ModelCIF file with pLDDT and N, C-alpha, C, O atoms, coordinates in Angstrom:
data_MODEL
#
_entry.id   MODEL 
#
_entity.id                         1 
_entity.type                       polymer 
_entity.pdbx_number_of_molecules   1 
#
_entity_poly.entity_id                      1 
_entity_poly.type                           'polypeptide(L)' 
_entity_poly.nstd_linkage                   no 
_entity_poly.nstd_monomer                   no 
_entity_poly.pdbx_seq_one_letter_code       GSDSHSNSYGAVGAFGAGMGATDIAVALALGRTW 
_entity_poly.pdbx_seq_one_letter_code_can   GSDSHSNSYGAVGAFGAGMGATDIAVALALGRTW 
_entity_poly.pdbx_strand_id                 A 
#
loop_
_entity_poly_seq.entity_id 
_entity_poly_seq.num 
_entity_poly_seq.mon_id 
_entity_poly_seq.hetero 
1 1  GLY n 
1 2  SER n 
1 3  ASP n 
1 4  SER n 
1 5  HIS n 
1 6  SER n 
1 7  ASN n 
1 8  SER n 
1 9  TYR n 
1 10 GLY n 
1 11 ALA n 
1 12 VAL n 
1 13 GLY n 
1 14 ALA n 
1 15 PHE n 
1 16 GLY n 
1 17 ALA n 
1 18 GLY n 
1 19 MET n 
1 20 GLY n 
1 21 ALA n 
1 22 THR n 
1 23 ASP n 
1 24 ILE n 
1 25 ALA n 
1 26 VAL n 
1 27 ALA n 
1 28 LEU n 
1 29 ALA n 
1 30 LEU n 
1 31 GLY n 
1 32 ARG n 
1 33 THR n 
1 34 TRP n 
#
_struct_asym.id          A 
_struct_asym.entity_id   1 
#
loop_
_ma_qa_metric.id 
_ma_qa_metric.mode 
_ma_qa_metric.name 
_ma_qa_metric.software_group_id 
_ma_qa_metric.type 
1 global pLDDT . pLDDT 
2 local  pLDDT . pLDDT 
#
_ma_qa_metric_global.metric_id      1 
_ma_qa_metric_global.metric_value   97.15 
_ma_qa_metric_global.model_id       1 
_ma_qa_metric_global.ordinal_id     1 
#
loop_
_ma_qa_metric_local.label_asym_id 
_ma_qa_metric_local.label_comp_id 
_ma_qa_metric_local.label_seq_id 
_ma_qa_metric_local.metric_id 
_ma_qa_metric_local.metric_value 
_ma_qa_metric_local.model_id 
_ma_qa_metric_local.ordinal_id 
A GLY 1  2 98.00 1 1  
A SER 2  2 97.00 1 2  
A ASP 3  2 95.00 1 3  
A SER 4  2 94.00 1 4  
A HIS 5  2 95.00 1 5  
A SER 6  2 97.00 1 6  
A ASN 7  2 97.00 1 7  
A SER 8  2 97.00 1 8  
A TYR 9  2 97.00 1 9  
A GLY 10 2 98.00 1 10 
A ALA 11 2 97.00 1 11 
A VAL 12 2 97.00 1 12 
A GLY 13 2 97.00 1 13 
A ALA 14 2 98.00 1 14 
A PHE 15 2 98.00 1 15 
A GLY 16 2 98.00 1 16 
A ALA 17 2 98.00 1 17 
A GLY 18 2 97.00 1 18 
A MET 19 2 97.00 1 19 
A GLY 20 2 96.00 1 20 
A ALA 21 2 96.00 1 21 
A THR 22 2 96.00 1 22 
A ASP 23 2 97.00 1 23 
A ILE 24 2 98.00 1 24 
A ALA 25 2 98.00 1 25 
A VAL 26 2 98.00 1 26 
A ALA 27 2 98.00 1 27 
A LEU 28 2 98.00 1 28 
A ALA 29 2 98.00 1 29 
A LEU 30 2 97.00 1 30 
A GLY 31 2 98.00 1 31 
A ARG 32 2 98.00 1 32 
A THR 33 2 98.00 1 33 
A TRP 34 2 97.00 1 34 
#
loop_
_atom_site.group_PDB 
_atom_site.id 
_atom_site.type_symbol 
_atom_site.label_atom_id 
_atom_site.label_alt_id 
_atom_site.label_comp_id 
_atom_site.label_asym_id 
_atom_site.label_entity_id 
_atom_site.label_seq_id 
_atom_site.pdbx_PDB_ins_code 
_atom_site.Cartn_x 
_atom_site.Cartn_y 
_atom_site.Cartn_z 
_atom_site.occupancy 
_atom_site.B_iso_or_equiv 
_atom_site.pdbx_formal_charge 
_atom_site.auth_seq_id 
_atom_site.auth_comp_id 
_atom_site.auth_asym_id 
_atom_site.auth_atom_id 
_atom_site.pdbx_PDB_model_num 
ATOM 1   N N  . GLY A 1 1  ? 2.052  -0.094  -0.533  1.00 98.00 ? 1  GLY A N  1 
ATOM 2   C CA . GLY A 1 1  ? 3.502  -0.220  -0.546  1.00 98.00 ? 1  GLY A CA 1 
ATOM 3   C C  . GLY A 1 1  ? 4.128  0.515   0.609   1.00 98.00 ? 1  GLY A C  1 
ATOM 4   O O  . GLY A 1 1  ? 3.531  1.437   1.165   1.00 98.00 ? 1  GLY A O  1 
ATOM 5   N N  . SER A 1 2  ? 5.343  0.109   0.978   1.00 97.00 ? 2  SER A N  1 
ATOM 6   C CA . SER A 1 2  ? 6.034  0.718   2.113   1.00 97.00 ? 2  SER A CA 1 
ATOM 7   C C  . SER A 1 2  ? 6.794  1.970   1.719   1.00 97.00 ? 2  SER A C  1 
ATOM 8   O O  . SER A 1 2  ? 7.733  2.372   2.406   1.00 97.00 ? 2  SER A O  1 
ATOM 9   N N  . ASP A 1 3  ? 6.395  2.586   0.619   1.00 95.00 ? 3  ASP A N  1 
ATOM 10  C CA . ASP A 1 3  ? 7.035  3.809   0.136   1.00 95.00 ? 3  ASP A CA 1 
ATOM 11  C C  . ASP A 1 3  ? 5.952  4.805   -0.241  1.00 95.00 ? 3  ASP A C  1 
ATOM 12  O O  . ASP A 1 3  ? 4.913  4.428   -0.781  1.00 95.00 ? 3  ASP A O  1 
ATOM 13  N N  . SER A 1 4  ? 6.199  6.078   0.046   1.00 94.00 ? 4  SER A N  1 
ATOM 14  C CA . SER A 1 4  ? 5.172  7.097   -0.186  1.00 94.00 ? 4  SER A CA 1 
ATOM 15  C C  . SER A 1 4  ? 4.795  7.243   -1.659  1.00 94.00 ? 4  SER A C  1 
ATOM 16  O O  . SER A 1 4  ? 3.691  7.687   -1.974  1.00 94.00 ? 4  SER A O  1 
ATOM 17  N N  . HIS A 1 5  ? 5.708  6.872   -2.564  1.00 95.00 ? 5  HIS A N  1 
ATOM 18  C CA . HIS A 1 5  ? 5.406  7.012   -3.992  1.00 95.00 ? 5  HIS A CA 1 
ATOM 19  C C  . HIS A 1 5  ? 4.713  5.786   -4.580  1.00 95.00 ? 5  HIS A C  1 
ATOM 20  O O  . HIS A 1 5  ? 4.720  5.582   -5.794  1.00 95.00 ? 5  HIS A O  1 
ATOM 21  N N  . SER A 1 6  ? 4.114  4.970   -3.710  1.00 97.00 ? 6  SER A N  1 
ATOM 22  C CA . SER A 1 6  ? 3.302  3.857   -4.198  1.00 97.00 ? 6  SER A CA 1 
ATOM 23  C C  . SER A 1 6  ? 2.062  4.352   -4.940  1.00 97.00 ? 6  SER A C  1 
ATOM 24  O O  . SER A 1 6  ? 1.364  3.563   -5.577  1.00 97.00 ? 6  SER A O  1 
ATOM 25  N N  . ASN A 1 7  ? 1.788  5.644   -4.861  1.00 97.00 ? 7  ASN A N  1 
ATOM 26  C CA . ASN A 1 7  ? 0.762  6.259   -5.717  1.00 97.00 ? 7  ASN A CA 1 
ATOM 27  C C  . ASN A 1 7  ? 1.030  5.972   -7.185  1.00 97.00 ? 7  ASN A C  1 
ATOM 28  O O  . ASN A 1 7  ? 0.115  6.032   -8.007  1.00 97.00 ? 7  ASN A O  1 
ATOM 29  N N  . SER A 1 8  ? 2.279  5.660   -7.520  1.00 97.00 ? 8  SER A N  1 
ATOM 30  C CA . SER A 1 8  ? 2.673  5.433   -8.906  1.00 97.00 ? 8  SER A CA 1 
ATOM 31  C C  . SER A 1 8  ? 1.835  4.375   -9.603  1.00 97.00 ? 8  SER A C  1 
ATOM 32  O O  . SER A 1 8  ? 1.726  4.388   -10.829 1.00 97.00 ? 8  SER A O  1 
ATOM 33  N N  . TYR A 1 9  ? 1.242  3.458   -8.847  1.00 97.00 ? 9  TYR A N  1 
ATOM 34  C CA . TYR A 1 9  ? 0.507  2.353   -9.457  1.00 97.00 ? 9  TYR A CA 1 
ATOM 35  C C  . TYR A 1 9  ? -0.791 2.822   -10.109 1.00 97.00 ? 9  TYR A C  1 
ATOM 36  O O  . TYR A 1 9  ? -1.433 2.074   -10.847 1.00 97.00 ? 9  TYR A O  1 
ATOM 37  N N  . GLY A 1 10 ? -1.166 4.059   -9.831  1.00 98.00 ? 10 GLY A N  1 
ATOM 38  C CA . GLY A 1 10 ? -2.301 4.659   -10.529 1.00 98.00 ? 10 GLY A CA 1 
ATOM 39  C C  . GLY A 1 10 ? -2.013 4.906   -11.996 1.00 98.00 ? 10 GLY A C  1 
ATOM 40  O O  . GLY A 1 10 ? -2.912 5.278   -12.751 1.00 98.00 ? 10 GLY A O  1 
ATOM 41  N N  . ALA A 1 11 ? -0.767 4.704   -12.408 1.00 97.00 ? 11 ALA A N  1 
ATOM 42  C CA . ALA A 1 11 ? -0.410 4.854   -13.822 1.00 97.00 ? 11 ALA A CA 1 
ATOM 43  C C  . ALA A 1 11 ? -1.167 3.878   -14.708 1.00 97.00 ? 11 ALA A C  1 
ATOM 44  O O  . ALA A 1 11 ? -1.360 4.135   -15.896 1.00 97.00 ? 11 ALA A O  1 
ATOM 45  N N  . VAL A 1 12 ? -1.596 2.756   -14.133 1.00 97.00 ? 12 VAL A N  1 
ATOM 46  C CA . VAL A 1 12 ? -2.346 1.769   -14.910 1.00 97.00 ? 12 VAL A CA 1 
ATOM 47  C C  . VAL A 1 12 ? -3.763 1.584   -14.362 1.00 97.00 ? 12 VAL A C  1 
ATOM 48  O O  . VAL A 1 12 ? -4.438 0.611   -14.698 1.00 97.00 ? 12 VAL A O  1 
ATOM 49  N N  . GLY A 1 13 ? -4.211 2.516   -13.521 1.00 97.00 ? 13 GLY A N  1 
ATOM 50  C CA . GLY A 1 13 ? -5.582 2.464   -13.028 1.00 97.00 ? 13 GLY A CA 1 
ATOM 51  C C  . GLY A 1 13 ? -5.778 1.713   -11.724 1.00 97.00 ? 13 GLY A C  1 
ATOM 52  O O  . GLY A 1 13 ? -6.903 1.338   -11.397 1.00 97.00 ? 13 GLY A O  1 
ATOM 53  N N  . ALA A 1 14 ? -4.704 1.484   -10.969 1.00 98.00 ? 14 ALA A N  1 
ATOM 54  C CA . ALA A 1 14 ? -4.830 0.878   -9.645  1.00 98.00 ? 14 ALA A CA 1 
ATOM 55  C C  . ALA A 1 14 ? -4.908 1.973   -8.589  1.00 98.00 ? 14 ALA A C  1 
ATOM 56  O O  . ALA A 1 14 ? -4.446 3.093   -8.809  1.00 98.00 ? 14 ALA A O  1 
ATOM 57  N N  . PHE A 1 15 ? -5.494 1.644   -7.446  1.00 98.00 ? 15 PHE A N  1 
ATOM 58  C CA . PHE A 1 15 ? -5.493 2.553   -6.299  1.00 98.00 ? 15 PHE A CA 1 
ATOM 59  C C  . PHE A 1 15 ? -4.267 2.196   -5.486  1.00 98.00 ? 15 PHE A C  1 
ATOM 60  O O  . PHE A 1 15 ? -4.318 1.302   -4.641  1.00 98.00 ? 15 PHE A O  1 
ATOM 61  N N  . GLY A 1 16 ? -3.157 2.891   -5.735  1.00 98.00 ? 16 GLY A N  1 
ATOM 62  C CA . GLY A 1 16 ? -1.910 2.640   -5.034  1.00 98.00 ? 16 GLY A CA 1 
ATOM 63  C C  . GLY A 1 16 ? -1.736 3.616   -3.894  1.00 98.00 ? 16 GLY A C  1 
ATOM 64  O O  . GLY A 1 16 ? -1.967 4.815   -4.053  1.00 98.00 ? 16 GLY A O  1 
ATOM 65  N N  . ALA A 1 17 ? -1.329 3.107   -2.743  1.00 98.00 ? 17 ALA A N  1 
ATOM 66  C CA . ALA A 1 17 ? -1.180 3.983   -1.579  1.00 98.00 ? 17 ALA A CA 1 
ATOM 67  C C  . ALA A 1 17 ? 0.041  3.563   -0.764  1.00 98.00 ? 17 ALA A C  1 
ATOM 68  O O  . ALA A 1 17 ? 0.279  2.376   -0.540  1.00 98.00 ? 17 ALA A O  1 
ATOM 69  N N  . GLY A 1 18 ? 0.801  4.553   -0.330  1.00 97.00 ? 18 GLY A N  1 
ATOM 70  C CA . GLY A 1 18 ? 1.932  4.308   0.541   1.00 97.00 ? 18 GLY A CA 1 
ATOM 71  C C  . GLY A 1 18 ? 1.490  4.237   1.988   1.00 97.00 ? 18 GLY A C  1 
ATOM 72  O O  . GLY A 1 18 ? 0.589  4.965   2.405   1.00 97.00 ? 18 GLY A O  1 
ATOM 73  N N  . MET A 1 19 ? 2.125  3.358   2.759   1.00 97.00 ? 19 MET A N  1 
ATOM 74  C CA . MET A 1 19 ? 1.771  3.199   4.173   1.00 97.00 ? 19 MET A CA 1 
ATOM 75  C C  . MET A 1 19 ? 3.027  2.982   4.999   1.00 97.00 ? 19 MET A C  1 
ATOM 76  O O  . MET A 1 19 ? 4.076  2.619   4.468   1.00 97.00 ? 19 MET A O  1 
ATOM 77  N N  . GLY A 1 20 ? 2.913  3.204   6.298   1.00 96.00 ? 20 GLY A N  1 
ATOM 78  C CA . GLY A 1 20 ? 4.018  2.983   7.209   1.00 96.00 ? 20 GLY A CA 1 
ATOM 79  C C  . GLY A 1 20 ? 4.210  1.502   7.507   1.00 96.00 ? 20 GLY A C  1 
ATOM 80  O O  . GLY A 1 20 ? 3.406  0.663   7.099   1.00 96.00 ? 20 GLY A O  1 
ATOM 81  N N  . ALA A 1 21 ? 5.287  1.195   8.224   1.00 96.00 ? 21 ALA A N  1 
ATOM 82  C CA . ALA A 1 21 ? 5.671  -0.193  8.470   1.00 96.00 ? 21 ALA A CA 1 
ATOM 83  C C  . ALA A 1 21 ? 4.593  -0.982  9.213   1.00 96.00 ? 21 ALA A C  1 
ATOM 84  O O  . ALA A 1 21 ? 4.379  -2.158  8.919   1.00 96.00 ? 21 ALA A O  1 
ATOM 85  N N  . THR A 1 22 ? 3.916  -0.353  10.167  1.00 96.00 ? 22 THR A N  1 
ATOM 86  C CA . THR A 1 22 ? 2.899  -1.075  10.939  1.00 96.00 ? 22 THR A CA 1 
ATOM 87  C C  . THR A 1 22 ? 1.728  -1.472  10.061  1.00 96.00 ? 22 THR A C  1 
ATOM 88  O O  . THR A 1 22 ? 1.268  -2.612  10.117  1.00 96.00 ? 22 THR A O  1 
ATOM 89  N N  . ASP A 1 23 ? 1.239  -0.538  9.249   1.00 97.00 ? 23 ASP A N  1 
ATOM 90  C CA . ASP A 1 23 ? 0.121  -0.852  8.350   1.00 97.00 ? 23 ASP A CA 1 
ATOM 91  C C  . ASP A 1 23 ? 0.523  -1.871  7.296   1.00 97.00 ? 23 ASP A C  1 
ATOM 92  O O  . ASP A 1 23 ? -0.286 -2.714  6.907   1.00 97.00 ? 23 ASP A O  1 
ATOM 93  N N  . ILE A 1 24 ? 1.771  -1.800  6.829   1.00 98.00 ? 24 ILE A N  1 
ATOM 94  C CA . ILE A 1 24 ? 2.246  -2.795  5.861   1.00 98.00 ? 24 ILE A CA 1 
ATOM 95  C C  . ILE A 1 24 ? 2.294  -4.172  6.505   1.00 98.00 ? 24 ILE A C  1 
ATOM 96  O O  . ILE A 1 24 ? 1.934  -5.166  5.874   1.00 98.00 ? 24 ILE A O  1 
ATOM 97  N N  . ALA A 1 25 ? 2.736  -4.237  7.755   1.00 98.00 ? 25 ALA A N  1 
ATOM 98  C CA . ALA A 1 25 ? 2.759  -5.520  8.466   1.00 98.00 ? 25 ALA A CA 1 
ATOM 99  C C  . ALA A 1 25 ? 1.352  -6.104  8.586   1.00 98.00 ? 25 ALA A C  1 
ATOM 100 O O  . ALA A 1 25 ? 1.163  -7.307  8.411   1.00 98.00 ? 25 ALA A O  1 
ATOM 101 N N  . VAL A 1 26 ? 0.374  -5.264  8.879   1.00 98.00 ? 26 VAL A N  1 
ATOM 102 C CA . VAL A 1 26 ? -1.015 -5.728  8.969   1.00 98.00 ? 26 VAL A CA 1 
ATOM 103 C C  . VAL A 1 26 ? -1.491 -6.257  7.623   1.00 98.00 ? 26 VAL A C  1 
ATOM 104 O O  . VAL A 1 26 ? -2.127 -7.309  7.551   1.00 98.00 ? 26 VAL A O  1 
ATOM 105 N N  . ALA A 1 27 ? -1.180 -5.521  6.552   1.00 98.00 ? 27 ALA A N  1 
ATOM 106 C CA . ALA A 1 27 ? -1.583 -5.957  5.220   1.00 98.00 ? 27 ALA A CA 1 
ATOM 107 C C  . ALA A 1 27 ? -0.917 -7.279  4.847   1.00 98.00 ? 27 ALA A C  1 
ATOM 108 O O  . ALA A 1 27 ? -1.551 -8.140  4.237   1.00 98.00 ? 27 ALA A O  1 
ATOM 109 N N  . LEU A 1 28 ? 0.355  -7.446  5.209   1.00 98.00 ? 28 LEU A N  1 
ATOM 110 C CA . LEU A 1 28 ? 1.057  -8.699  4.937   1.00 98.00 ? 28 LEU A CA 1 
ATOM 111 C C  . LEU A 1 28 ? 0.452  -9.862  5.725   1.00 98.00 ? 28 LEU A C  1 
ATOM 112 O O  . LEU A 1 28 ? 0.392  -10.989 5.232   1.00 98.00 ? 28 LEU A O  1 
ATOM 113 N N  . ALA A 1 29 ? 0.013  -9.586  6.927   1.00 98.00 ? 29 ALA A N  1 
ATOM 114 C CA . ALA A 1 29 ? -0.528 -10.633 7.779   1.00 98.00 ? 29 ALA A CA 1 
ATOM 115 C C  . ALA A 1 29 ? -1.948 -11.028 7.386   1.00 98.00 ? 29 ALA A C  1 
ATOM 116 O O  . ALA A 1 29 ? -2.302 -12.206 7.418   1.00 98.00 ? 29 ALA A O  1 
ATOM 117 N N  . LEU A 1 30 ? -2.755 -10.042 7.018   1.00 97.00 ? 30 LEU A N  1 
ATOM 118 C CA . LEU A 1 30 ? -4.183 -10.283 6.819   1.00 97.00 ? 30 LEU A CA 1 
ATOM 119 C C  . LEU A 1 30 ? -4.634 -10.238 5.364   1.00 97.00 ? 30 LEU A C  1 
ATOM 120 O O  . LEU A 1 30 ? -5.692 -10.769 5.027   1.00 97.00 ? 30 LEU A O  1 
ATOM 121 N N  . GLY A 1 31 ? -3.836 -9.606  4.494   1.00 98.00 ? 31 GLY A N  1 
ATOM 122 C CA . GLY A 1 31 ? -4.265 -9.469  3.102   1.00 98.00 ? 31 GLY A CA 1 
ATOM 123 C C  . GLY A 1 31 ? -5.325 -8.418  2.902   1.00 98.00 ? 31 GLY A C  1 
ATOM 124 O O  . GLY A 1 31 ? -6.016 -8.408  1.883   1.00 98.00 ? 31 GLY A O  1 
ATOM 125 N N  . ARG A 1 32 ? -5.456 -7.543  3.858   1.00 98.00 ? 32 ARG A N  1 
ATOM 126 C CA . ARG A 1 32 ? -6.429 -6.457  3.742   1.00 98.00 ? 32 ARG A CA 1 
ATOM 127 C C  . ARG A 1 32 ? -5.960 -5.256  4.544   1.00 98.00 ? 32 ARG A C  1 
ATOM 128 O O  . ARG A 1 32 ? -5.038 -5.351  5.355   1.00 98.00 ? 32 ARG A O  1 
ATOM 129 N N  . THR A 1 33 ? -6.610 -4.123  4.305   1.00 98.00 ? 33 THR A N  1 
ATOM 130 C CA . THR A 1 33 ? -6.268 -2.893  5.012   1.00 98.00 ? 33 THR A CA 1 
ATOM 131 C C  . THR A 1 33 ? -7.519 -2.044  5.146   1.00 98.00 ? 33 THR A C  1 
ATOM 132 O O  . THR A 1 33 ? -8.558 -2.356  4.563   1.00 98.00 ? 33 THR A O  1 
ATOM 133 N N  . TRP A 1 34 ? -7.416 -0.979  5.909   1.00 97.00 ? 34 TRP A N  1 
ATOM 134 C CA . TRP A 1 34 ? -8.545 -0.052  6.009   1.00 97.00 ? 34 TRP A CA 1 
ATOM 135 C C  . TRP A 1 34 ? -8.184 1.259   5.365   1.00 97.00 ? 34 TRP A C  1 
ATOM 136 O O  . TRP A 1 34 ? -9.000 2.181   5.341   1.00 97.00 ? 34 TRP A O  1 
#
């Protein structure tokens, strides 16, 4: 997510991570991240 508190998704057992705009753009374009 494009917000630092995307960690919140761990509330249901997901690996949620906040990222900056460039990394979010890459994820939107490719459907993956590093």
